[in-house]
Amino acid sequence: MADISGSVFPDAAQYLRDFEWLVSCPSLLNFPEALSTEFLDGDRTLDFGPVESFLDSKAAFRVGYYAEALLDVWLDYTRQPEEVQRSIQVQDGNQTVGELDFLYRVAGQWRHLEVALKFYLHCPKTNETGSHFVGPNSADTFERKRDRFFNHQLPLGKERFPKVDVSEVIMKGMIFYPPGVDDSVSLPEGLNPDHRRGRWIRETELGWLKENSGASGGVLLDKPFWLSGVPFSESLPQLSCAIRQHFEKRRHPIFVSLKDGEGREKERVFVVPDEWPAKS
């Protein structure tokens, strides 16, 4: 069987698609500290140097770090900071107690910016995570990340860098709902109701792809290219076969881009093992 994963050879077109997806994506947070990523095209050329450097690194499969590199491009283009410090490790003696994403200075004012790209699945049933908004890796939940931002990262920046005048966060991503569940469910504090949405199903529910999705085909998305997706598609039978083969070998969730008959993306779907979100 042919490999139908979304593996791509990265190029400027992929960077630009992912950049546009990221900056246009609604925030997952509705706190005052949540920074808007409006983008006005101007005369300058986007410099994707930070993205290329990231993809040359050992962490090139990390979706969150890829998004951070793209937001580095956005920060340089839109804010044109006078000075930027990136990935600042905070030490307490010989122990690392945290890492700040960005400290940057604009018009003489220092700003601390924390960024994240997150995908959470709405799990209607009570589960051992204590949350109804759980990451594909069930050790991660929306509440845990929210509290990490506001109870640790931002206070740590102000404590260790008194020069910081403003604390900011950028948290982009999607929330996925199971078929048959109304996506107007009760949301945890701070989750923006105007978030980008998708669906999730279990490995034994693959019939939904054919019977209810309305898609003609699709593709498995490989890390780190989970943002805008990739311009490939195969038939639903091939896609379903690839998903089954995946779960025969591995028990972690898989990300799918469903396409219409013209090859345009119709919906994003996470397929999870039947035991999810149980922690191993």
Protein backbone atom coordinates (compact mmCIF):
# COMPACT_ATOMS: atom_id res chain seq x y z
CA MET A 1 0.00 0.00 0.00
CA ALA A 2 1.22 3.49 -0.83
CA ASP A 3 2.31 5.83 1.95
CA ILE A 4 -0.47 8.41 2.25
CA SER A 5 0.94 10.42 5.11
CA GLY A 6 1.26 14.15 4.67
CA SER A 7 5.05 14.11 4.56
CA VAL A 8 6.26 17.13 2.59
CA PHE A 9 9.54 18.64 1.62
CA PRO A 10 9.21 22.05 3.30
CA ASP A 11 9.41 25.10 1.09
CA ALA A 12 8.47 28.77 1.19
CA ALA A 13 4.91 27.98 0.04
CA GLN A 14 4.38 25.62 2.99
CA TYR A 15 5.83 28.17 5.42
CA LEU A 16 3.51 30.87 4.07
CA ARG A 17 0.40 28.65 4.24
CA ASP A 18 1.23 27.72 7.83
CA PHE A 19 2.02 31.33 8.75
CA GLU A 20 -1.31 32.54 7.36
CA TRP A 21 -3.21 29.74 9.12
CA LEU A 22 -1.57 30.56 12.43
CA VAL A 23 -1.99 34.32 12.45
CA SER A 24 -5.61 34.09 11.24
CA CYS A 25 -6.55 31.39 13.76
CA PRO A 26 -8.74 32.71 16.60
CA SER A 27 -7.20 32.73 20.05
CA LEU A 28 -8.09 29.86 22.36
CA LEU A 29 -8.02 32.32 25.25
CA ASN A 30 -10.32 35.24 26.00
CA PHE A 31 -8.27 36.80 28.80
CA PRO A 32 -7.06 40.42 28.48
CA GLU A 33 -3.47 39.18 28.20
CA ALA A 34 -4.32 37.24 25.02
CA LEU A 35 -2.58 39.02 22.17
CA SER A 36 -4.25 39.50 18.81
CA THR A 37 -2.18 38.47 15.81
CA GLU A 38 -3.65 40.79 13.22
CA PHE A 39 -1.48 41.00 10.14
CA LEU A 40 -1.33 43.81 7.61
CA ASP A 41 0.69 43.01 4.52
CA GLY A 42 3.25 45.69 3.82
CA ASP A 43 6.31 46.39 1.74
CA ARG A 44 8.67 44.17 3.71
CA THR A 45 9.35 40.54 2.83
CA LEU A 46 8.63 37.88 5.41
CA ASP A 47 11.89 36.41 6.66
CA PHE A 48 11.38 32.70 7.33
CA GLY A 49 14.92 32.27 8.64
CA PRO A 50 13.70 31.26 12.13
CA VAL A 51 11.49 28.57 10.57
CA GLU A 52 14.31 27.16 8.45
CA SER A 53 16.61 27.10 11.48
CA PHE A 54 13.97 25.25 13.48
CA LEU A 55 13.41 22.65 10.77
CA ASP A 56 17.17 22.01 10.73
CA SER A 57 17.09 21.26 14.47
CA LYS A 58 16.63 17.99 16.31
CA ALA A 59 13.19 19.18 17.50
CA ALA A 60 11.81 19.57 13.95
CA PHE A 61 8.89 17.22 14.71
CA ARG A 62 7.60 19.43 17.55
CA VAL A 63 4.46 21.21 16.34
CA GLY A 64 4.50 23.75 19.18
CA TYR A 65 8.10 24.77 18.48
CA TYR A 66 7.29 25.10 14.78
CA ALA A 67 4.44 27.48 15.67
CA GLU A 68 6.82 29.40 17.94
CA ALA A 69 9.24 29.84 15.02
CA LEU A 70 6.39 31.14 12.82
CA LEU A 71 5.35 33.58 15.55
CA ASP A 72 8.95 34.76 15.71
CA VAL A 73 8.50 35.74 12.04
CA TRP A 74 5.21 37.50 12.90
CA LEU A 75 6.79 39.37 15.81
CA ASP A 76 9.67 40.64 13.68
CA TYR A 77 7.38 41.73 10.84
CA THR A 78 4.52 43.35 12.76
CA ARG A 79 6.20 44.71 15.90
CA GLN A 80 9.70 45.37 14.52
CA PRO A 81 11.18 45.17 18.03
CA GLU A 82 14.29 47.09 18.95
CA GLU A 83 15.59 44.07 20.83
CA VAL A 84 14.46 40.45 21.22
CA GLN A 85 15.51 37.69 23.60
CA ARG A 86 14.26 34.17 22.85
CA SER A 87 13.98 30.95 24.88
CA ILE A 88 15.28 32.50 28.08
CA GLN A 89 16.06 29.85 30.69
CA VAL A 90 15.36 30.87 34.28
CA GLN A 91 17.65 29.31 36.87
CA ASP A 92 17.35 28.88 40.61
CA GLY A 93 20.88 27.93 41.53
CA ASN A 94 21.72 24.91 39.38
CA GLN A 95 18.07 24.10 38.72
CA THR A 96 16.07 25.32 35.71
CA VAL A 97 12.68 26.53 37.00
CA GLY A 98 11.25 27.70 33.70
CA GLU A 99 11.83 29.04 30.23
CA LEU A 100 10.34 32.23 28.82
CA ASP A 101 9.49 32.29 25.13
CA PHE A 102 10.14 35.95 24.23
CA LEU A 103 11.26 39.16 25.89
CA TYR A 104 11.15 42.03 23.43
CA ARG A 105 11.36 45.82 23.49
CA VAL A 106 9.18 48.18 21.44
CA ALA A 107 9.28 51.96 21.85
CA GLY A 108 11.39 51.52 24.97
CA GLN A 109 8.80 49.22 26.58
CA TRP A 110 9.71 45.64 27.52
CA ARG A 111 7.16 42.91 26.87
CA HIS A 112 7.12 39.27 27.95
CA LEU A 113 5.34 37.01 25.45
CA GLU A 114 4.45 33.35 25.97
CA VAL A 115 3.12 31.35 23.01
CA ALA A 116 1.48 27.96 22.47
CA LEU A 117 -0.30 25.96 19.78
CA LYS A 118 -2.77 23.51 21.29
CA PHE A 119 -5.32 20.95 20.14
CA TYR A 120 -7.89 19.75 22.68
CA LEU A 121 -10.61 17.13 22.35
CA HIS A 122 -13.91 17.61 24.15
CA CYS A 123 -14.49 14.46 26.19
CA PRO A 124 -18.09 14.56 27.49
CA LYS A 125 -17.59 11.79 30.06
CA THR A 126 -15.81 12.23 33.36
CA ASN A 127 -12.31 10.79 33.04
CA GLU A 128 -9.11 10.46 35.03
CA THR A 129 -7.62 13.72 33.68
CA GLY A 130 -10.21 15.76 35.59
CA SER A 131 -10.95 17.79 32.43
CA HIS A 132 -13.41 17.64 29.56
CA PHE A 133 -10.89 19.33 27.21
CA VAL A 134 -8.03 16.90 26.86
CA GLY A 135 -5.04 16.89 24.53
CA PRO A 136 -4.21 13.98 22.20
CA ASN A 137 -1.58 13.32 24.84
CA SER A 138 -3.95 12.97 27.78
CA ALA A 139 -1.39 14.37 30.21
CA ASP A 140 -2.25 17.76 28.70
CA THR A 141 -5.53 19.59 29.35
CA PHE A 142 -6.78 23.08 28.58
CA GLU A 143 -7.04 23.98 32.27
CA ARG A 144 -3.53 22.77 32.97
CA LYS A 145 -2.04 24.89 30.18
CA ARG A 146 -4.17 27.93 31.09
CA ASP A 147 -3.05 27.74 34.70
CA ARG A 148 0.58 27.20 33.67
CA PHE A 149 0.46 30.46 31.72
CA PHE A 150 -1.15 32.59 34.40
CA ASN A 151 0.10 30.97 37.61
CA HIS A 152 3.67 30.23 36.58
CA GLN A 153 5.01 31.59 33.28
CA LEU A 154 3.77 35.19 33.42
CA PRO A 155 4.48 35.66 37.16
CA LEU A 156 7.94 34.14 36.63
CA GLY A 157 8.70 36.71 33.94
CA LYS A 158 7.74 39.63 36.17
CA GLU A 159 9.59 38.19 39.15
CA ARG A 160 12.88 37.53 37.37
CA PHE A 161 12.76 40.43 34.91
CA PRO A 162 11.42 43.54 36.71
CA LYS A 163 12.01 45.51 33.51
CA VAL A 164 8.93 43.81 31.98
CA ASP A 165 6.13 46.35 31.50
CA VAL A 166 3.54 44.13 29.78
CA SER A 167 2.80 40.38 29.95
CA GLU A 168 1.21 38.77 26.90
CA VAL A 169 0.15 35.33 25.67
CA ILE A 170 -0.64 33.89 22.26
CA MET A 171 -2.47 30.58 22.39
CA LYS A 172 -3.76 29.30 19.07
CA GLY A 173 -5.26 25.98 18.08
CA MET A 174 -8.48 24.01 17.72
CA ILE A 175 -11.10 22.23 19.79
CA PHE A 176 -12.43 18.90 18.52
CA TYR A 177 -15.89 17.51 19.29
CA PRO A 178 -17.22 13.95 18.91
CA PRO A 179 -19.99 13.39 16.35
CA GLY A 180 -23.41 13.88 17.84
CA VAL A 181 -22.18 16.25 20.55
CA ASP A 182 -23.39 19.84 20.37
CA ASP A 183 -20.30 22.05 20.17
CA SER A 184 -22.04 24.71 22.25
CA VAL A 185 -21.22 22.74 25.42
CA SER A 186 -20.22 24.40 28.67
CA LEU A 187 -16.69 25.74 28.35
CA PRO A 188 -14.04 26.14 31.05
CA GLU A 189 -13.10 29.61 32.24
CA GLY A 190 -10.97 31.47 29.72
CA LEU A 191 -11.71 29.30 26.67
CA ASN A 192 -12.75 31.54 23.79
CA PRO A 193 -16.14 30.34 22.45
CA ASP A 194 -15.17 31.54 18.97
CA HIS A 195 -12.47 28.91 18.57
CA ARG A 196 -11.68 26.90 15.45
CA ARG A 197 -13.42 23.50 15.48
CA GLY A 198 -12.93 19.95 14.28
CA ARG A 199 -14.18 16.43 15.07
CA TRP A 200 -12.75 13.39 16.80
CA ILE A 201 -13.65 9.70 16.61
CA ARG A 202 -12.34 6.45 18.05
CA GLU A 203 -10.48 3.84 16.03
CA THR A 204 -13.60 1.61 16.01
CA GLU A 205 -15.71 4.44 14.56
CA LEU A 206 -13.95 4.73 11.20
CA GLY A 207 -17.26 4.09 9.45
CA TRP A 208 -18.10 7.71 10.28
CA LEU A 209 -15.54 8.88 7.72
CA LYS A 210 -17.50 7.27 4.89
CA GLU A 211 -21.03 7.56 6.22
CA ASN A 212 -21.17 11.00 7.84
CA SER A 213 -18.19 13.19 6.99
CA GLY A 214 -19.23 13.98 3.42
CA ALA A 215 -15.57 13.81 2.40
CA SER A 216 -14.21 12.22 -0.77
CA GLY A 217 -10.72 11.55 0.53
CA GLY A 218 -8.09 12.69 2.96
CA VAL A 219 -4.53 12.51 4.20
CA LEU A 220 -2.69 11.75 7.44
CA LEU A 221 -0.92 14.84 8.76
CA ASP A 222 2.65 14.42 9.94
CA LYS A 223 4.33 16.66 12.50
CA PRO A 224 5.14 19.51 12.39
CA PHE A 225 2.80 20.30 9.47
CA TRP A 226 -0.43 20.27 11.45
CA LEU A 227 -1.35 23.89 10.73
CA SER A 228 -2.53 24.55 7.18
CA GLY A 229 -2.25 20.89 6.22
CA VAL A 230 -0.74 19.62 3.00
CA PRO A 231 -1.97 19.61 -0.63
CA PHE A 232 -2.30 15.83 -0.91
CA SER A 233 -5.29 13.49 -0.83
CA GLU A 234 -6.12 9.82 -1.23
CA SER A 235 -9.38 7.90 -1.30
CA LEU A 236 -11.33 7.20 1.89
CA PRO A 237 -10.71 3.42 1.65
CA GLN A 238 -6.95 4.03 1.44
CA LEU A 239 -7.13 6.51 4.30
CA SER A 240 -9.12 4.12 6.51
CA CYS A 241 -6.65 1.32 5.75
CA ALA A 242 -3.70 3.55 6.72
CA ILE A 243 -5.42 4.48 10.01
CA ARG A 244 -6.05 0.82 10.87
CA GLN A 245 -2.43 -0.03 10.12
CA HIS A 246 -1.33 2.81 12.38
CA PHE A 247 -3.29 1.47 15.37
CA GLU A 248 -1.99 -2.03 14.81
CA LYS A 249 1.50 -0.68 15.51
CA ARG A 250 0.98 2.36 17.75
CA ARG A 251 -1.57 3.49 20.32
CA HIS A 252 -1.30 7.25 20.02
CA PRO A 253 -3.90 9.49 18.27
CA ILE A 254 -3.55 10.33 14.60
CA PHE A 255 -4.48 13.59 12.83
CA VAL A 256 -6.43 13.55 9.55
CA SER A 257 -7.31 16.20 6.99
CA LEU A 258 -10.50 15.29 5.13
CA LYS A 259 -10.86 16.62 1.57
CA ASP A 260 -13.75 17.23 -0.82
CA GLY A 261 -13.82 16.07 -4.44
CA GLU A 262 -11.71 19.05 -5.51
CA GLY A 263 -8.99 18.28 -2.97
CA ARG A 264 -9.95 21.17 -0.68
CA GLU A 265 -9.92 20.60 3.05
CA LYS A 266 -13.37 19.89 4.41
CA GLU A 267 -12.69 19.05 8.04
CA ARG A 268 -9.97 18.12 10.53
CA VAL A 269 -10.41 14.92 12.53
CA PHE A 270 -8.44 13.30 15.32
CA VAL A 271 -8.73 9.51 15.47
CA VAL A 272 -7.91 8.20 18.94
CA PRO A 273 -7.41 4.68 20.32
CA ASP A 274 -10.44 3.21 22.06
CA GLU A 275 -8.79 3.51 25.50
CA TRP A 276 -8.14 7.28 25.15
CA PRO A 277 -7.97 9.37 27.36
CA ALA A 278 -6.75 6.74 29.81
CA LYS A 279 -3.16 7.44 30.87
CA SER A 280 -0.67 4.68 30.22
